[in-house]
């Protein structure tokens, strides 16, 4: 029995990479589906799958957000995880597909829900915009605002994992990309440009480029409809599984589900602070064998083993993997730009 994945827009359901990846349930807005029908639909999904993880942009209308919480409250179910995301809409669609891939594995529902925050750190999301005058997702200088009024100006913006802004055509400019193998997904709005596929894809050394429909939330999210949105993410299910599995797990003290990181995705209960502390080193005479070296902070305290994976190589180029610390901040990559 797989954990069901749900979204709030059909555009957030990208084509599956293989026949084993399940689709996602689309939860309709209040104006498109009566409340009774939404409750019955969700109850059926829970009966079939056991657990439901719903992802949606944090920018969705209040009415839709209230509908999601109303359905969960009426069903009085602790098996529904409602997870808003600050990722750009296309990047969220890519993350949803990764979660759909992982839902077909043996990962438990609690680990899947908690993995949303982990996977978000490994998606490089951005867009090419005709104007940054209404962009409030990254710092925009007065000069960039002024250049937005120049006809034909275009800007490349990256919002995650680090904010970047580049005026296209400027000498020597480039966006910092991932240090591991990714696939690039693009979605065009009311803007025509070949920069993403012709310049960005070779710079980031992606394994491929695919086109998708622009999510309806994208123009509002980016402040303009004249854009081409893009997202680079890890496409390999075995790599995603290894990435999630390498993080230390714990049991939620409130609902009992297994989780990774510091918060349960279903009941939102934080992990008690003592449970986040890594085990202390044993005396030398009784020290256990360690499978990975410990990182030492400035105060000499152990911060847990650093798990590194070999993602293989491509075209003679070593594909350095992300580094996942477990202990402390269990979600943030230690060296996201390492290649």
C-alpha atoms as a PDB file:
ATOM      1  CA  UNK A   1       0.000   0.000   0.000  1.00  0.00           C
ATOM      2  CA  UNK A   2       1.570   3.293  -1.126  1.00  0.00           C
ATOM      3  CA  UNK A   3       1.104   6.687   0.483  1.00  0.00           C
ATOM      4  CA  UNK A   4      -1.109   8.893  -1.708  1.00  0.00           C
ATOM      5  CA  UNK A   5       0.241  12.252  -2.882  1.00  0.00           C
ATOM      6  CA  UNK A   6      -2.139  15.150  -3.581  1.00  0.00           C
ATOM      7  CA  UNK A   7      -1.783  18.611  -5.131  1.00  0.00           C
ATOM      8  CA  UNK A   8      -4.033  21.615  -5.737  1.00  0.00           C
ATOM      9  CA  UNK A   9      -3.513  22.064  -9.493  1.00  0.00           C
ATOM     10  CA  UNK A  10      -3.261  19.667 -12.470  1.00  0.00           C
ATOM     11  CA  UNK A  11      -0.109  21.514 -13.610  1.00  0.00           C
ATOM     12  CA  UNK A  12       1.636  20.287 -10.457  1.00  0.00           C
ATOM     13  CA  UNK A  13       1.350  16.708 -11.731  1.00  0.00           C
ATOM     14  CA  UNK A  14       4.265  16.244 -14.147  1.00  0.00           C
ATOM     15  CA  UNK A  15       4.512  13.177 -16.400  1.00  0.00           C
ATOM     16  CA  UNK A  16       5.977  10.185 -14.523  1.00  0.00           C
ATOM     17  CA  UNK A  17       9.578   9.224 -15.400  1.00  0.00           C
ATOM     18  CA  UNK A  18       8.667   5.524 -15.488  1.00  0.00           C
ATOM     19  CA  UNK A  19       5.663   3.219 -15.283  1.00  0.00           C
ATOM     20  CA  UNK A  20       6.225   2.549 -11.585  1.00  0.00           C
ATOM     21  CA  UNK A  21       5.678   6.157 -10.467  1.00  0.00           C
ATOM     22  CA  UNK A  22       2.066   6.717  -9.353  1.00  0.00           C
ATOM     23  CA  UNK A  23       0.110   9.811 -10.278  1.00  0.00           C
ATOM     24  CA  UNK A  24      -1.184  12.383  -7.795  1.00  0.00           C
ATOM     25  CA  UNK A  25      -4.672  13.297  -6.670  1.00  0.00           C
ATOM     26  CA  UNK A  26      -5.803  16.814  -7.655  1.00  0.00           C
ATOM     27  CA  UNK A  27      -7.774  18.535  -4.877  1.00  0.00           C
ATOM     28  CA  UNK A  28     -10.278  20.956  -6.388  1.00  0.00           C
ATOM     29  CA  UNK A  29     -10.909  24.486  -5.162  1.00  0.00           C
ATOM     30  CA  UNK A  30     -14.190  25.259  -3.329  1.00  0.00           C
ATOM     31  CA  UNK A  31     -15.802  26.757  -6.439  1.00  0.00           C
ATOM     32  CA  UNK A  32     -15.187  23.621  -8.511  1.00  0.00           C
ATOM     33  CA  UNK A  33     -16.229  20.908  -6.043  1.00  0.00           C
ATOM     34  CA  UNK A  34     -18.784  20.841  -3.205  1.00  0.00           C
ATOM     35  CA  UNK A  35     -17.485  20.191   0.282  1.00  0.00           C
ATOM     36  CA  UNK A  36     -19.353  16.868   0.598  1.00  0.00           C
ATOM     37  CA  UNK A  37     -17.733  15.606  -2.596  1.00  0.00           C
ATOM     38  CA  UNK A  38     -14.274  16.672  -1.401  1.00  0.00           C
ATOM     39  CA  UNK A  39     -14.783  14.862   1.902  1.00  0.00           C
ATOM     40  CA  UNK A  40     -15.996  11.697   0.182  1.00  0.00           C
ATOM     41  CA  UNK A  41     -13.081  11.801  -2.256  1.00  0.00           C
ATOM     42  CA  UNK A  42     -10.522  12.163   0.528  1.00  0.00           C
ATOM     43  CA  UNK A  43     -12.140   9.421   2.612  1.00  0.00           C
ATOM     44  CA  UNK A  44     -11.924   7.043  -0.343  1.00  0.00           C
ATOM     45  CA  UNK A  45      -8.235   7.835  -0.828  1.00  0.00           C
ATOM     46  CA  UNK A  46      -7.525   7.172   2.857  1.00  0.00           C
ATOM     47  CA  UNK A  47      -9.371   3.858   2.680  1.00  0.00           C
ATOM     48  CA  UNK A  48      -7.313   2.815  -0.332  1.00  0.00           C
ATOM     49  CA  UNK A  49      -3.882   4.110   0.690  1.00  0.00           C
ATOM     50  CA  UNK A  50      -3.946   4.667   4.442  1.00  0.00           C
ATOM     51  CA  UNK A  51      -2.157   8.046   4.370  1.00  0.00           C
ATOM     52  CA  UNK A  52      -2.379  11.193   2.256  1.00  0.00           C
ATOM     53  CA  UNK A  53       0.288  13.895   1.794  1.00  0.00           C
ATOM     54  CA  UNK A  54      -1.038  17.100   0.179  1.00  0.00           C
ATOM     55  CA  UNK A  55       1.431  19.685  -1.131  1.00  0.00           C
ATOM     56  CA  UNK A  56       0.397  23.136  -2.273  1.00  0.00           C
ATOM     57  CA  UNK A  57       1.998  26.554  -2.864  1.00  0.00           C
ATOM     58  CA  UNK A  58       1.945  28.780   0.195  1.00  0.00           C
ATOM     59  CA  UNK A  59       0.551  31.499  -2.085  1.00  0.00           C
ATOM     60  CA  UNK A  60      -2.736  29.716  -2.857  1.00  0.00           C
ATOM     61  CA  UNK A  61      -5.961  31.631  -2.097  1.00  0.00           C
ATOM     62  CA  UNK A  62      -7.184  31.552   1.483  1.00  0.00           C
ATOM     63  CA  UNK A  63     -10.403  29.786   0.460  1.00  0.00           C
ATOM     64  CA  UNK A  64      -8.480  26.802  -0.906  1.00  0.00           C
ATOM     65  CA  UNK A  65      -6.274  26.598   2.163  1.00  0.00           C
ATOM     66  CA  UNK A  66      -9.358  26.669   4.404  1.00  0.00           C
ATOM     67  CA  UNK A  67     -10.985  23.931   2.311  1.00  0.00           C
ATOM     68  CA  UNK A  68      -8.007  21.618   2.875  1.00  0.00           C
ATOM     69  CA  UNK A  69      -8.075  22.130   6.629  1.00  0.00           C
ATOM     70  CA  UNK A  70     -11.861  21.783   6.751  1.00  0.00           C
ATOM     71  CA  UNK A  71     -11.749  18.389   5.036  1.00  0.00           C
ATOM     72  CA  UNK A  72      -9.104  17.143   7.431  1.00  0.00           C
ATOM     73  CA  UNK A  73     -11.042  18.449  10.443  1.00  0.00           C
ATOM     74  CA  UNK A  74     -14.330  16.880   9.327  1.00  0.00           C
ATOM     75  CA  UNK A  75     -12.662  13.518   8.796  1.00  0.00           C
ATOM     76  CA  UNK A  76     -10.901  13.904  12.183  1.00  0.00           C
ATOM     77  CA  UNK A  77      -7.949  12.163  10.586  1.00  0.00           C
ATOM     78  CA  UNK A  78      -4.335  12.263  11.709  1.00  0.00           C
ATOM     79  CA  UNK A  79      -3.377  10.464   8.491  1.00  0.00           C
ATOM     80  CA  UNK A  80      -3.514  13.613   6.327  1.00  0.00           C
ATOM     81  CA  UNK A  81      -0.423  15.834   6.013  1.00  0.00           C
ATOM     82  CA  UNK A  82      -1.023  19.356   4.655  1.00  0.00           C
ATOM     83  CA  UNK A  83       2.312  20.825   3.573  1.00  0.00           C
ATOM     84  CA  UNK A  84       2.502  24.359   2.139  1.00  0.00           C
ATOM     85  CA  UNK A  85       5.674  25.161   0.202  1.00  0.00           C
ATOM     86  CA  UNK A  86       7.521  28.403  -0.490  1.00  0.00           C
ATOM     87  CA  UNK A  87       9.118  26.907  -3.598  1.00  0.00           C
ATOM     88  CA  UNK A  88       8.219  28.429  -6.965  1.00  0.00           C
ATOM     89  CA  UNK A  89       5.273  26.546  -8.516  1.00  0.00           C
ATOM     90  CA  UNK A  90       7.270  24.638 -11.149  1.00  0.00           C
ATOM     91  CA  UNK A  91       9.886  23.620  -8.588  1.00  0.00           C
ATOM     92  CA  UNK A  92       7.048  22.395  -6.372  1.00  0.00           C
ATOM     93  CA  UNK A  93       5.759  20.274  -9.274  1.00  0.00           C
ATOM     94  CA  UNK A  94       9.231  18.749  -9.611  1.00  0.00           C
ATOM     95  CA  UNK A  95       9.342  18.072  -5.864  1.00  0.00           C
ATOM     96  CA  UNK A  96       5.895  16.455  -6.050  1.00  0.00           C
ATOM     97  CA  UNK A  97       7.155  14.121  -8.764  1.00  0.00           C
ATOM     98  CA  UNK A  98      10.144  13.152  -6.618  1.00  0.00           C
ATOM     99  CA  UNK A  99       7.788  12.395  -3.733  1.00  0.00           C
ATOM    100  CA  UNK A 100       5.586  10.345  -6.054  1.00  0.00           C
ATOM    101  CA  UNK A 101       8.660   8.339  -7.034  1.00  0.00           C
ATOM    102  CA  UNK A 102       9.568   7.735  -3.400  1.00  0.00           C
ATOM    103  CA  UNK A 103       5.995   6.812  -2.462  1.00  0.00           C
ATOM    104  CA  UNK A 104       6.432   3.598  -4.482  1.00  0.00           C
ATOM    105  CA  UNK A 105       9.320   2.516  -2.226  1.00  0.00           C
ATOM    106  CA  UNK A 106       9.281   1.151   1.319  1.00  0.00           C
ATOM    107  CA  UNK A 107       9.669   4.563   2.968  1.00  0.00           C
ATOM    108  CA  UNK A 108       7.078   5.108   5.687  1.00  0.00           C
ATOM    109  CA  UNK A 109       4.459   7.908   5.461  1.00  0.00           C
ATOM    110  CA  UNK A 110       6.112   9.933   8.213  1.00  0.00           C
ATOM    111  CA  UNK A 111       9.507   9.812   6.508  1.00  0.00           C
ATOM    112  CA  UNK A 112       7.955  10.766   3.154  1.00  0.00           C
ATOM    113  CA  UNK A 113       6.212  13.813   4.634  1.00  0.00           C
ATOM    114  CA  UNK A 114       9.348  14.944   6.451  1.00  0.00           C
ATOM    115  CA  UNK A 115      11.440  14.395   3.308  1.00  0.00           C
ATOM    116  CA  UNK A 116       9.667  17.318   1.614  1.00  0.00           C
ATOM    117  CA  UNK A 117      11.856  19.831   3.448  1.00  0.00           C
ATOM    118  CA  UNK A 118      14.987  17.802   2.747  1.00  0.00           C
ATOM    119  CA  UNK A 119      14.382  17.444  -0.988  1.00  0.00           C
ATOM    120  CA  UNK A 120      13.549  21.137  -1.361  1.00  0.00           C
ATOM    121  CA  UNK A 121      17.179  21.997  -0.521  1.00  0.00           C
ATOM    122  CA  UNK A 122      18.384  20.100  -3.601  1.00  0.00           C
ATOM    123  CA  UNK A 123      16.194  21.858  -6.171  1.00  0.00           C
ATOM    124  CA  UNK A 124      17.655  24.832  -8.022  1.00  0.00           C
ATOM    125  CA  UNK A 125      14.629  26.910  -8.971  1.00  0.00           C
ATOM    126  CA  UNK A 126      14.415  30.116 -10.966  1.00  0.00           C
ATOM    127  CA  UNK A 127      13.022  31.916 -13.992  1.00  0.00           C
ATOM    128  CA  UNK A 128      13.861  34.242 -16.841  1.00  0.00           C
ATOM    129  CA  UNK A 129      11.770  37.406 -16.393  1.00  0.00           C
ATOM    130  CA  UNK A 130      11.064  40.352 -18.656  1.00  0.00           C
ATOM    131  CA  UNK A 131      10.776  42.558 -15.576  1.00  0.00           C
ATOM    132  CA  UNK A 132      11.739  42.425 -11.910  1.00  0.00           C
ATOM    133  CA  UNK A 133       9.717  45.520 -10.979  1.00  0.00           C
ATOM    134  CA  UNK A 134       7.220  43.430  -8.970  1.00  0.00           C
ATOM    135  CA  UNK A 135       9.584  40.666  -7.891  1.00  0.00           C
ATOM    136  CA  UNK A 136       9.718  40.336  -4.102  1.00  0.00           C
ATOM    137  CA  UNK A 137      11.272  36.868  -3.793  1.00  0.00           C
ATOM    138  CA  UNK A 138      14.916  37.989  -4.041  1.00  0.00           C
ATOM    139  CA  UNK A 139      16.677  41.290  -3.286  1.00  0.00           C
ATOM    140  CA  UNK A 140      16.416  43.584  -6.327  1.00  0.00           C
ATOM    141  CA  UNK A 141      18.633  46.670  -6.626  1.00  0.00           C
ATOM    142  CA  UNK A 142      17.400  50.052  -7.795  1.00  0.00           C
ATOM    143  CA  UNK A 143      19.529  49.615 -10.907  1.00  0.00           C
ATOM    144  CA  UNK A 144      17.770  46.357 -11.771  1.00  0.00           C
ATOM    145  CA  UNK A 145      14.401  48.029 -11.193  1.00  0.00           C
ATOM    146  CA  UNK A 146      15.381  50.828 -13.567  1.00  0.00           C
ATOM    147  CA  UNK A 147      16.604  48.375 -16.210  1.00  0.00           C
ATOM    148  CA  UNK A 148      13.221  46.637 -16.090  1.00  0.00           C
ATOM    149  CA  UNK A 149      11.794  49.610 -17.957  1.00  0.00           C
ATOM    150  CA  UNK A 150      14.240  49.244 -20.831  1.00  0.00           C
ATOM    151  CA  UNK A 151      12.487  47.457 -23.745  1.00  0.00           C
ATOM    152  CA  UNK A 152      13.857  43.972 -24.377  1.00  0.00           C
ATOM    153  CA  UNK A 153      15.525  43.576 -20.989  1.00  0.00           C
ATOM    154  CA  UNK A 154      15.555  40.098 -19.487  1.00  0.00           C
ATOM    155  CA  UNK A 155      16.691  38.871 -16.096  1.00  0.00           C
ATOM    156  CA  UNK A 156      17.623  35.399 -14.854  1.00  0.00           C
ATOM    157  CA  UNK A 157      16.624  34.804 -11.246  1.00  0.00           C
ATOM    158  CA  UNK A 158      17.302  31.892  -8.893  1.00  0.00           C
ATOM    159  CA  UNK A 159      15.428  31.790  -5.591  1.00  0.00           C
ATOM    160  CA  UNK A 160      16.585  28.516  -4.073  1.00  0.00           C
ATOM    161  CA  UNK A 161      18.840  27.208  -2.635  1.00  0.00           C
ATOM    162  CA  UNK A 162      20.455  30.681  -2.718  1.00  0.00           C
ATOM    163  CA  UNK A 163      19.095  33.911  -4.193  1.00  0.00           C
ATOM    164  CA  UNK A 164      20.759  35.084  -7.433  1.00  0.00           C
ATOM    165  CA  UNK A 165      19.896  37.791  -9.956  1.00  0.00           C
ATOM    166  CA  UNK A 166      21.562  38.244 -13.347  1.00  0.00           C
ATOM    167  CA  UNK A 167      20.768  40.631 -16.179  1.00  0.00           C
ATOM    168  CA  UNK A 168      21.032  38.640 -19.387  1.00  0.00           C
ATOM    169  CA  UNK A 169      23.593  40.004 -21.791  1.00  0.00           C
ATOM    170  CA  UNK A 170      25.922  41.265 -19.066  1.00  0.00           C
ATOM    171  CA  UNK A 171      29.539  40.297 -19.629  1.00  0.00           C
ATOM    172  CA  UNK A 172      30.879  37.402 -17.576  1.00  0.00           C
ATOM    173  CA  UNK A 173      27.621  36.726 -15.779  1.00  0.00           C
ATOM    174  CA  UNK A 174      26.549  33.198 -14.829  1.00  0.00           C
ATOM    175  CA  UNK A 175      24.250  31.564 -12.317  1.00  0.00           C
ATOM    176  CA  UNK A 176      25.763  29.186  -9.782  1.00  0.00           C
ATOM    177  CA  UNK A 177      24.285  25.752 -10.346  1.00  0.00           C
ATOM    178  CA  UNK A 178      24.111  22.389  -8.605  1.00  0.00           C
ATOM    179  CA  UNK A 179      27.219  20.359  -7.916  1.00  0.00           C
ATOM    180  CA  UNK A 180      25.478  17.058  -8.698  1.00  0.00           C
ATOM    181  CA  UNK A 181      23.627  15.531 -11.638  1.00  0.00           C
ATOM    182  CA  UNK A 182      20.232  17.085 -12.325  1.00  0.00           C
ATOM    183  CA  UNK A 183      17.543  17.215 -14.997  1.00  0.00           C
ATOM    184  CA  UNK A 184      16.137  20.590 -16.050  1.00  0.00           C
ATOM    185  CA  UNK A 185      12.386  21.204 -16.311  1.00  0.00           C
ATOM    186  CA  UNK A 186      11.132  24.375 -18.003  1.00  0.00           C
ATOM    187  CA  UNK A 187       7.735  26.030 -18.429  1.00  0.00           C
ATOM    188  CA  UNK A 188       7.164  29.037 -20.712  1.00  0.00           C
ATOM    189  CA  UNK A 189       4.757  31.873 -20.053  1.00  0.00           C
ATOM    190  CA  UNK A 190       4.349  34.970 -22.223  1.00  0.00           C
ATOM    191  CA  UNK A 191       8.056  35.175 -23.009  1.00  0.00           C
ATOM    192  CA  UNK A 192      10.142  33.676 -25.770  1.00  0.00           C
ATOM    193  CA  UNK A 193      13.791  32.975 -25.032  1.00  0.00           C
ATOM    194  CA  UNK A 194      16.272  30.242 -25.838  1.00  0.00           C
ATOM    195  CA  UNK A 195      18.594  31.161 -22.979  1.00  0.00           C
ATOM    196  CA  UNK A 196      17.438  28.402 -20.616  1.00  0.00           C
ATOM    197  CA  UNK A 197      18.051  25.534 -23.033  1.00  0.00           C
ATOM    198  CA  UNK A 198      20.911  27.105 -24.964  1.00  0.00           C
ATOM    199  CA  UNK A 199      22.967  28.679 -22.180  1.00  0.00           C
ATOM    200  CA  UNK A 200      21.808  27.611 -18.711  1.00  0.00           C
ATOM    201  CA  UNK A 201      21.506  23.879 -19.449  1.00  0.00           C
ATOM    202  CA  UNK A 202      25.126  23.559 -20.706  1.00  0.00           C
ATOM    203  CA  UNK A 203      26.431  25.703 -17.840  1.00  0.00           C
ATOM    204  CA  UNK A 204      24.705  23.503 -15.264  1.00  0.00           C
ATOM    205  CA  UNK A 205      25.655  20.324 -17.174  1.00  0.00           C
ATOM    206  CA  UNK A 206      22.176  18.852 -16.809  1.00  0.00           C
ATOM    207  CA  UNK A 207      21.401  15.345 -18.034  1.00  0.00           C
ATOM    208  CA  UNK A 208      18.421  16.516 -20.079  1.00  0.00           C
ATOM    209  CA  UNK A 209      15.772  19.195 -20.578  1.00  0.00           C
ATOM    210  CA  UNK A 210      12.004  18.699 -20.547  1.00  0.00           C
ATOM    211  CA  UNK A 211       9.151  21.141 -21.111  1.00  0.00           C
ATOM    212  CA  UNK A 212       6.038  21.386 -18.953  1.00  0.00           C
ATOM    213  CA  UNK A 213       2.912  23.506 -18.710  1.00  0.00           C
ATOM    214  CA  UNK A 214       3.253  26.693 -16.673  1.00  0.00           C
ATOM    215  CA  UNK A 215       1.441  26.365 -13.313  1.00  0.00           C
ATOM    216  CA  UNK A 216      -1.340  28.954 -12.858  1.00  0.00           C
ATOM    217  CA  UNK A 217       0.308  30.305  -9.693  1.00  0.00           C
ATOM    218  CA  UNK A 218       3.558  31.166 -11.495  1.00  0.00           C
ATOM    219  CA  UNK A 219       2.683  34.668 -12.828  1.00  0.00           C
ATOM    220  CA  UNK A 220       1.543  35.805  -9.405  1.00  0.00           C
ATOM    221  CA  UNK A 221       4.522  34.157  -7.698  1.00  0.00           C
ATOM    222  CA  UNK A 222       7.073  35.854  -9.991  1.00  0.00           C
ATOM    223  CA  UNK A 223       5.228  39.150 -10.350  1.00  0.00           C
ATOM    224  CA  UNK A 224       4.867  38.920 -14.127  1.00  0.00           C
ATOM    225  CA  UNK A 225       3.390  36.670 -16.781  1.00  0.00           C
ATOM    226  CA  UNK A 226       6.309  37.334 -19.128  1.00  0.00           C
ATOM    227  CA  UNK A 227       8.571  34.542 -17.890  1.00  0.00           C
ATOM    228  CA  UNK A 228      10.132  31.162 -18.521  1.00  0.00           C
ATOM    229  CA  UNK A 229      10.317  29.179 -15.294  1.00  0.00           C
ATOM    230  CA  UNK A 230      12.902  26.438 -14.713  1.00  0.00           C
ATOM    231  CA  UNK A 231      13.881  23.937 -12.035  1.00  0.00           C
ATOM    232  CA  UNK A 232      16.873  21.564 -11.870  1.00  0.00           C
ATOM    233  CA  UNK A 233      16.492  18.517  -9.644  1.00  0.00           C
ATOM    234  CA  UNK A 234      17.835  15.006  -9.054  1.00  0.00           C
ATOM    235  CA  UNK A 235      15.917  12.640 -11.367  1.00  0.00           C
ATOM    236  CA  UNK A 236      17.270   9.252 -10.248  1.00  0.00           C
ATOM    237  CA  UNK A 237      14.978   7.396  -7.825  1.00  0.00           C
ATOM    238  CA  UNK A 238      17.865   5.356  -6.395  1.00  0.00           C
ATOM    239  CA  UNK A 239      19.756   8.547  -5.545  1.00  0.00           C
ATOM    240  CA  UNK A 240      16.660  10.132  -3.972  1.00  0.00           C
ATOM    241  CA  UNK A 241      16.034   7.017  -1.906  1.00  0.00           C
ATOM    242  CA  UNK A 242      19.644   6.891  -0.717  1.00  0.00           C
ATOM    243  CA  UNK A 243      19.532  10.596   0.120  1.00  0.00           C
ATOM    244  CA  UNK A 244      16.447  10.254   2.319  1.00  0.00           C
ATOM    245  CA  UNK A 245      17.533   6.959   3.852  1.00  0.00           C
ATOM    246  CA  UNK A 246      20.879   8.409   4.967  1.00  0.00           C
ATOM    247  CA  UNK A 247      19.231  10.814   7.413  1.00  0.00           C
ATOM    248  CA  UNK A 248      18.806   9.711  11.014  1.00  0.00           C
ATOM    249  CA  UNK A 249      15.255   8.717  11.918  1.00  0.00           C
ATOM    250  CA  UNK A 250      13.227   9.166  15.073  1.00  0.00           C
ATOM    251  CA  UNK A 251       9.694   8.514  16.296  1.00  0.00           C
ATOM    252  CA  UNK A 252       7.240  11.390  16.722  1.00  0.00           C
ATOM    253  CA  UNK A 253       6.426  11.654  20.417  1.00  0.00           C
ATOM    254  CA  UNK A 254       2.879  12.839  19.601  1.00  0.00           C
ATOM    255  CA  UNK A 255       1.530  10.601  16.822  1.00  0.00           C
ATOM    256  CA  UNK A 256       4.188   7.883  16.845  1.00  0.00           C
ATOM    257  CA  UNK A 257       5.059   8.091  13.133  1.00  0.00           C
ATOM    258  CA  UNK A 258       8.643   7.627  12.021  1.00  0.00           C
ATOM    259  CA  UNK A 259      10.256  10.841  10.765  1.00  0.00           C
ATOM    260  CA  UNK A 260      13.481  12.511   9.750  1.00  0.00           C
ATOM    261  CA  UNK A 261      14.546  16.004  10.731  1.00  0.00           C
ATOM    262  CA  UNK A 262      13.043  18.002  13.581  1.00  0.00           C
ATOM    263  CA  UNK A 263       9.283  18.117  12.862  1.00  0.00           C
ATOM    264  CA  UNK A 264       6.509  15.671  12.014  1.00  0.00           C
ATOM    265  CA  UNK A 265       4.795  16.346   8.702  1.00  0.00           C
ATOM    266  CA  UNK A 266       1.439  14.945   9.847  1.00  0.00           C
ATOM    267  CA  UNK A 267       0.867  16.413  13.312  1.00  0.00           C
ATOM    268  CA  UNK A 268       3.498  19.210  13.073  1.00  0.00           C
ATOM    269  CA  UNK A 269       4.864  18.274  16.501  1.00  0.00           C
ATOM    270  CA  UNK A 270       8.540  19.253  16.895  1.00  0.00           C
ATOM    271  CA  UNK A 271      11.047  16.618  17.838  1.00  0.00           C
ATOM    272  CA  UNK A 272      12.130  17.097  21.462  1.00  0.00           C
ATOM    273  CA  UNK A 273      15.523  18.771  21.653  1.00  0.00           C
ATOM    274  CA  UNK A 274      17.350  15.900  23.444  1.00  0.00           C
ATOM    275  CA  UNK A 275      16.398  13.509  20.634  1.00  0.00           C
ATOM    276  CA  UNK A 276      18.175  15.729  18.112  1.00  0.00           C
ATOM    277  CA  UNK A 277      21.494  15.530  19.906  1.00  0.00           C
ATOM    278  CA  UNK A 278      23.986  13.056  18.370  1.00  0.00           C
ATOM    279  CA  UNK A 279      25.342  10.278  20.585  1.00  0.00           C
ATOM    280  CA  UNK A 280      28.397  11.173  22.642  1.00  0.00           C
ATOM    281  CA  UNK A 281      31.652   9.469  21.898  1.00  0.00           C
ATOM    282  CA  UNK A 282      32.412   6.517  24.083  1.00  0.00           C
ATOM    283  CA  UNK A 283      35.716   6.308  25.972  1.00  0.00           C
ATOM    284  CA  UNK A 284      38.595   5.149  23.801  1.00  0.00           C
ATOM    285  CA  UNK A 285      38.697   1.713  25.420  1.00  0.00           C
ATOM    286  CA  UNK A 286      35.068   1.056  24.538  1.00  0.00           C
ATOM    287  CA  UNK A 287      34.668   3.241  21.444  1.00  0.00           C
ATOM    288  CA  UNK A 288      32.387   1.671  18.820  1.00  0.00           C
ATOM    289  CA  UNK A 289      33.487   1.459  15.202  1.00  0.00           C
ATOM    290  CA  UNK A 290      32.186   4.440  13.239  1.00  0.00           C
ATOM    291  CA  UNK A 291      31.016   4.172   9.647  1.00  0.00           C
ATOM    292  CA  UNK A 292      31.741   7.834   8.915  1.00  0.00           C
ATOM    293  CA  UNK A 293      34.001  10.514  10.382  1.00  0.00           C
ATOM    294  CA  UNK A 294      32.625  13.039  12.840  1.00  0.00           C
ATOM    295  CA  UNK A 295      32.727  16.755  12.125  1.00  0.00           C
ATOM    296  CA  UNK A 296      34.044  18.841  14.971  1.00  0.00           C
ATOM    297  CA  UNK A 297      32.654  22.292  15.708  1.00  0.00           C
ATOM    298  CA  UNK A 298      34.804  25.083  17.043  1.00  0.00           C
ATOM    299  CA  UNK A 299      33.907  24.020  20.579  1.00  0.00           C
ATOM    300  CA  UNK A 300      34.986  20.443  19.896  1.00  0.00           C
ATOM    301  CA  UNK A 301      31.459  19.028  20.145  1.00  0.00           C
ATOM    302  CA  UNK A 302      30.528  16.144  17.850  1.00  0.00           C
ATOM    303  CA  UNK A 303      27.924  16.981  15.242  1.00  0.00           C
ATOM    304  CA  UNK A 304      27.203  13.519  13.871  1.00  0.00           C
ATOM    305  CA  UNK A 305      28.589  11.567  10.947  1.00  0.00           C
ATOM    306  CA  UNK A 306      28.592  13.106   7.504  1.00  0.00           C
ATOM    307  CA  UNK A 307      27.035  10.740   4.997  1.00  0.00           C
ATOM    308  CA  UNK A 308      28.365  11.031   1.451  1.00  0.00           C
ATOM    309  CA  UNK A 309      27.180   9.096  -1.570  1.00  0.00           C
ATOM    310  CA  UNK A 310      28.863   8.296  -4.853  1.00  0.00           C
ATOM    311  CA  UNK A 311      26.449   9.249  -7.604  1.00  0.00           C
ATOM    312  CA  UNK A 312      28.701   7.869 -10.312  1.00  0.00           C
ATOM    313  CA  UNK A 313      30.193   9.858 -13.163  1.00  0.00           C
ATOM    314  CA  UNK A 314      29.055  11.117 -16.502  1.00  0.00           C
ATOM    315  CA  UNK A 315      31.208  11.893 -19.525  1.00  0.00           C
ATOM    316  CA  UNK A 316      34.327  11.481 -17.413  1.00  0.00           C
ATOM    317  CA  UNK A 317      33.059  14.110 -14.959  1.00  0.00           C
ATOM    318  CA  UNK A 318      32.739  13.000 -11.325  1.00  0.00           C
ATOM    319  CA  UNK A 319      29.221  13.707 -10.115  1.00  0.00           C
ATOM    320  CA  UNK A 320      29.735  14.808  -6.537  1.00  0.00           C
ATOM    321  CA  UNK A 321      26.725  14.053  -4.370  1.00  0.00           C
ATOM    322  CA  UNK A 322      25.049  16.298  -1.820  1.00  0.00           C
ATOM    323  CA  UNK A 323      26.292  16.003   1.740  1.00  0.00           C
ATOM    324  CA  UNK A 324      23.647  15.341   4.370  1.00  0.00           C
ATOM    325  CA  UNK A 325      24.558  16.055   7.990  1.00  0.00           C
ATOM    326  CA  UNK A 326      22.441  14.242  10.524  1.00  0.00           C
ATOM    327  CA  UNK A 327      22.301  15.798  13.889  1.00  0.00           C
ATOM    328  CA  UNK A 328      21.610  19.517  14.344  1.00  0.00           C
ATOM    329  CA  UNK A 329      19.932  20.855  11.214  1.00  0.00           C
ATOM    330  CA  UNK A 330      19.112  17.555   9.551  1.00  0.00           C
ATOM    331  CA  UNK A 331      17.816  19.086   6.356  1.00  0.00           C
ATOM    332  CA  UNK A 332      20.292  21.655   5.081  1.00  0.00           C
ATOM    333  CA  UNK A 333      23.143  20.500   2.818  1.00  0.00           C
ATOM    334  CA  UNK A 334      26.564  21.092   4.316  1.00  0.00           C
ATOM    335  CA  UNK A 335      28.101  22.055   0.954  1.00  0.00           C
ATOM    336  CA  UNK A 336      25.312  22.614  -1.609  1.00  0.00           C
ATOM    337  CA  UNK A 337      27.654  24.040  -4.206  1.00  0.00           C
ATOM    338  CA  UNK A 338      30.317  21.333  -3.964  1.00  0.00           C
ATOM    339  CA  UNK A 339      31.139  19.706  -7.258  1.00  0.00           C
END
